[in-house]
Amino acid sequence: MSTSLLYHGFGVRDYRYVRTRYVRGGVIFTIERKMETCRCTACGSRNVWRQGVVLRSFRTVPIGGKRVELEARIPRLACQDCGVVRQAAVGFAEPRRTYSKSFERHVLDLSRHMTIKDVACHLGVGWGIVKDIQKRYLHKRFAKPKLKHLKQIAIDEISTGKGQNKYLTIVMDLKSGAVVHVGKGKGGDALRPFWRRLRASGAKIEAVAIDMSVAYIDAVTTYLPDATLVFDRFHIIKLYNDKLSDLRRTLYRQLADTMQKDVLKGVRWLLLKRPENLDASRREPERLRKALKLNEPLAIAYHLKEELNEIWEQDDPQTAQALLMDWIVYAESTGIRILKQFAKTLRFHAFGILAWYDYPISTGPLEGTNNKIKTMKRQAYGFRDPEFLMLKILGIHETTYALVG
């Protein structure tokens, strides 16, 4: 075997071929380090003498589906300049690894189309080896994303399990769609490492999209006082839909007539739909009109829901502000407790709602990433290694690894 084939086939240089053996259906190539290329690993001197040989085996890329190993004769070198005795450096493999760099690249290529378990079974190696290769690659590539060019970001949290401590806080660059921070927990404390790195990067954040969480508001206004807060439109609509569902349940409990209860019970999802999405073939518009005619407070709340969506559909911020203030005043005048509470919330957060006209951003792209994360977790039946999960999330935008762990 020529040295060119060793280099181009397996990424091995400065070694000479010795022999080939066939063991248990696999192929073992014995190679030997050329003494003329050896240097002291401590001082770099060429003035070294060989003092014995260490035999090491490295898994490398297969040939025709057959397992291939490199059996390397690595000389122990005694340096005449610094007096150190050490093994010669192994250039084709990382330190303390039993596989070559070319094998790592092969595993990463397979990981783009196969799960960790599938790759391990295909190559006949342990699950932990494939995971270790992925984890070290992800750490090297994504552990510290560059923040210098950040302008607009979104912040949200995702649940990773049951309990208060099973949350991750995620920060996304809205321009590139890349995740730039994954913090343990939720709230302001999970963002502290991000603020430190952001300050060191010198980035100038223009706008931040968040929900109306007090913890996020306090954190952003403290660390980014010049940034514009933009409250996510879809979180606001979702919050109102929750209030609308609560109102329906309250009215349902107050009704004594069984027939009227049946009418309200069947329209829960119809109340949350946009009018244009109602299915006429299933008599959904008719059923909704009947329910709204039956109960005036529910009709008021429903029509306010449709008007709330219009706040983000105006031609200019002045018209939107007037519409928002009119909405708040009317909701407060209805006397319906749930609507009055929501109107108070909107009045307090009006500045961040109207900021959408300066920066039309939302946490929508981050919600899409959160769905990918949930899919990844579900298909992997969870992750026992939290650091590996965080690295997977940081690389979820650019890597195309199979989702299953």
Foldseek 3Di string as FASTA:
>chain_A
DDQVCCCVVFNAHQKAWDDWDADPQAIETEIEHDLQPFADPPPRHNQKDFDAWDWAKAWTDGDPLHTYIYTYTWTFIQHPPPRDTGTTDGPQPDPPHRYGPRRLVVLQVVLLPDPLVVSCVSNVHDSVVSLVSVLVVLCVPFVADQQLAAAEKEKDKAAQDDDQQRMWIWIARPVQLFTRAIFGGDFQVRCVVVLVNNVVSNHQYAEYEYAPDPRVVVNCCVSRVNHAYAHAPVNLLVVLLVLLLVVLVVVLVVDDDPVLNVLSVPCSVVLSDDPVPADVVVVSVVSVVVNCVVDVVSVVSSVLSVLSVCLVVDPALVVSLVSLVVSLVVLCVVPDVSSVVSSVVCVVCVRNHSCCRVPVDHCVSVVVLSVLLVVLQVQQVHDPDVSSSRSCSSCVSPRSGDSHD
